Amino acid sequence: MTTDLTKPLIVAQLDVTGHPPSPLLIDGVHRLYHARHKHVARLPAYLLTVKETRQIQNNTLLGPGWTSIAPPA
């Protein structure tokens, strides 16, 4: 329980066809757990746009536009 609750969480937004963007916590699980344990109702967070989320998906492991390690059929 030594995580810094002032450090912002990072929340991505995934584009889901036919629905509003869906949030996905990508950094800060330990801070979220710590806050829950201490009954802290709000935490600071960076909310990435769908475009920003797509930019970070383009890494060497997954490659552009992939969302899983298995190649698309």
Protein backbone atom coordinates (compact mmCIF):
# COMPACT_ATOMS: atom_id res chain seq x y z
CA MET A 1 0.00 0.00 0.00
CA THR A 2 2.76 2.40 -0.88
CA THR A 3 1.52 3.44 -4.31
CA ASP A 4 1.25 7.17 -4.94
CA LEU A 5 -2.43 8.08 -5.26
CA THR A 6 -1.55 11.47 -6.72
CA LYS A 7 0.01 9.87 -9.82
CA PRO A 8 -2.63 9.76 -12.60
CA LEU A 9 -4.07 6.54 -13.95
CA ILE A 10 -3.88 6.06 -17.72
CA VAL A 11 -7.16 5.12 -19.39
CA ALA A 12 -7.31 4.23 -23.07
CA GLN A 13 -10.44 4.37 -25.21
CA LEU A 14 -11.17 1.51 -27.58
CA ASP A 15 -13.22 2.05 -30.72
CA VAL A 16 -16.16 -0.37 -30.65
CA THR A 17 -18.20 -0.35 -33.87
CA GLY A 18 -21.75 0.87 -33.26
CA HIS A 19 -21.02 1.96 -29.67
CA PRO A 20 -19.37 4.86 -27.87
CA PRO A 21 -15.63 4.42 -27.15
CA SER A 22 -15.01 1.89 -24.39
CA PRO A 23 -12.59 2.77 -21.56
CA LEU A 24 -9.70 0.45 -20.67
CA LEU A 25 -7.40 1.00 -17.69
CA ILE A 26 -3.88 0.47 -19.03
CA ASP A 27 -1.82 1.80 -16.11
CA GLY A 28 -2.69 2.21 -12.45
CA VAL A 29 -4.27 -1.05 -11.29
CA HIS A 30 -2.27 -0.96 -8.04
CA ARG A 31 -3.30 2.65 -7.41
CA LEU A 32 -6.94 1.75 -8.06
CA TYR A 33 -6.72 -1.14 -5.58
CA HIS A 34 -5.00 1.07 -3.00
CA ALA A 35 -7.65 3.80 -3.40
CA ARG A 36 -10.47 1.27 -3.05
CA HIS A 37 -8.87 -0.13 0.11
CA LYS A 38 -8.58 3.39 1.60
CA HIS A 39 -12.09 4.41 0.44
CA VAL A 40 -10.74 7.14 -1.86
CA ALA A 41 -13.58 8.00 -4.23
CA ARG A 42 -11.62 9.84 -6.97
CA LEU A 43 -8.22 9.52 -8.58
CA PRO A 44 -6.55 11.69 -11.20
CA ALA A 45 -6.41 10.12 -14.66
CA TYR A 46 -5.22 10.77 -18.18
CA LEU A 47 -7.96 9.79 -20.64
CA LEU A 48 -6.44 8.98 -24.02
CA THR A 49 -8.48 9.59 -27.14
CA VAL A 50 -9.21 6.73 -29.54
CA LYS A 51 -6.55 8.19 -31.87
CA GLU A 52 -3.94 8.29 -29.08
CA THR A 53 -4.83 4.72 -28.07
CA ARG A 54 -4.29 3.55 -31.66
CA GLN A 55 -0.89 5.23 -31.69
CA ILE A 56 0.31 3.25 -28.67
CA GLN A 57 -1.04 0.01 -30.17
CA ASN A 58 1.60 0.34 -32.89
CA ASN A 59 4.44 -1.38 -31.07
CA THR A 60 6.98 -4.01 -32.13
CA LEU A 61 5.17 -6.94 -30.50
CA LEU A 62 1.71 -6.42 -31.98
CA GLY A 63 2.39 -4.31 -35.04
CA PRO A 64 0.08 -1.69 -36.56
CA GLY A 65 -3.63 -2.14 -35.86
CA TRP A 66 -3.32 -5.55 -34.18
CA THR A 67 -5.10 -6.16 -30.88
CA SER A 68 -3.87 -9.70 -30.24
CA ILE A 69 -0.72 -11.71 -30.83
CA ALA A 70 -2.46 -14.14 -33.22
CA PRO A 71 -2.65 -12.67 -36.75
CA PRO A 72 -6.11 -11.83 -38.08
CA ALA A 73 -7.78 -14.56 -40.13
